[in-house]
Protein backbone atom coordinates (compact mmCIF):
# COMPACT_ATOMS: atom_id res chain seq x y z
CA UNK A 1 166.56 55.11 -233.90
CA UNK A 2 167.50 57.02 -230.83
CA UNK A 3 168.60 55.05 -227.84
CA UNK A 4 168.84 56.23 -224.49
CA UNK A 5 170.49 54.93 -221.12
CA UNK A 6 170.93 56.24 -217.74
CA UNK A 7 174.40 56.88 -215.70
CA UNK A 8 174.49 57.89 -212.28
CA UNK A 9 178.02 59.67 -211.45
CA UNK A 10 180.02 61.38 -208.67
CA UNK A 11 179.20 65.28 -208.05
CA UNK A 12 181.20 67.25 -210.14
CA UNK A 13 182.35 64.62 -212.74
CA UNK A 14 179.29 64.61 -215.25
CA UNK A 15 180.84 66.43 -218.21
CA UNK A 16 183.89 64.52 -217.76
CA UNK A 17 182.13 61.35 -217.59
CA UNK A 18 180.04 62.40 -220.73
CA UNK A 19 183.46 62.87 -222.72
CA UNK A 20 184.63 59.63 -221.71
CA UNK A 21 181.40 57.99 -222.62
CA UNK A 22 181.77 59.31 -226.03
CA UNK A 23 185.28 57.98 -226.26
CA UNK A 24 184.03 54.66 -224.97
CA UNK A 25 182.09 54.40 -228.01
CA UNK A 26 179.08 52.39 -229.47
CA UNK A 27 180.96 49.18 -228.77
CA UNK A 28 180.59 49.84 -224.84
CA UNK A 29 177.20 51.32 -225.16
CA UNK A 30 178.52 54.80 -224.42
CA UNK A 31 179.47 53.88 -221.01
CA UNK A 32 183.20 54.18 -219.94
CA UNK A 33 184.24 50.75 -218.52
CA UNK A 34 185.47 50.40 -214.77
CA UNK A 35 185.42 54.23 -214.61
CA UNK A 36 185.57 54.95 -210.69
CA UNK A 37 183.25 58.12 -211.06
CA UNK A 38 180.43 55.94 -212.33
CA UNK A 39 178.08 54.61 -209.83
CA UNK A 40 175.55 52.82 -211.95
CA UNK A 41 174.62 53.02 -215.44
CA UNK A 42 171.90 50.87 -217.55
CA UNK A 43 172.37 49.37 -221.00
CA UNK A 44 171.09 51.03 -223.93
CA UNK A 45 167.32 51.07 -224.30
CA UNK A 46 165.49 51.14 -227.69
CA UNK A 47 162.26 53.40 -227.96
CA UNK A 48 159.30 51.64 -226.40
CA UNK A 49 161.93 49.41 -224.22
CA UNK A 50 162.62 49.07 -220.83
CA UNK A 51 165.65 48.54 -218.73
CA UNK A 52 166.31 48.04 -215.10
CA UNK A 53 169.45 48.87 -213.06
CA UNK A 54 169.89 47.79 -209.22
CA UNK A 55 172.56 49.55 -207.08
CA UNK A 56 173.60 50.38 -203.80
CA UNK A 57 172.81 54.16 -203.04
CA UNK A 58 175.89 56.07 -202.49
CA UNK A 59 176.11 58.19 -199.04
CA UNK A 60 173.59 61.00 -198.63
CA UNK A 61 174.04 63.73 -201.10
CA UNK A 62 173.14 64.98 -204.57
CA UNK A 63 174.42 62.92 -207.55
CA UNK A 64 174.15 63.89 -210.91
CA UNK A 65 172.53 61.42 -213.63
CA UNK A 66 172.44 61.86 -217.38
CA UNK A 67 171.96 59.92 -220.77
CA UNK A 68 175.06 59.21 -222.36
CA UNK A 69 174.10 58.69 -225.76
CA UNK A 70 176.08 60.89 -228.20
CA UNK A 71 174.33 64.59 -227.85
CA UNK A 72 171.83 63.55 -225.15
CA UNK A 73 173.93 64.61 -222.11
CA UNK A 74 173.47 68.27 -222.46
CA UNK A 75 169.67 68.12 -221.91
CA UNK A 76 168.90 64.67 -220.50
CA UNK A 77 170.17 65.26 -217.10
CA UNK A 78 168.94 65.44 -213.62
CA UNK A 79 169.95 64.95 -209.87
CA UNK A 80 169.38 62.10 -207.56
CA UNK A 81 168.85 63.17 -203.88
CA UNK A 82 170.16 60.65 -201.56
CA UNK A 83 168.78 60.87 -197.94
CA UNK A 84 169.33 58.79 -194.91
């Protein structure tokens, strides 16, 4: 069963946070705990499921997001554009 999550991180940190997520492991749903580089993250979502996350948007700018489930981060990524 392939699960997914969504993680919003500080610019320039995606690859490092992806490695930290792998180190966090399944017990932490592939999310590094209390990592200041992470603005928001969802729990894991099963196929066909839905998750919601609420967070305060960071300052205007471009912020990378990705799925930190192992092997997904290389392709499942994008950019959140925050404007005023």
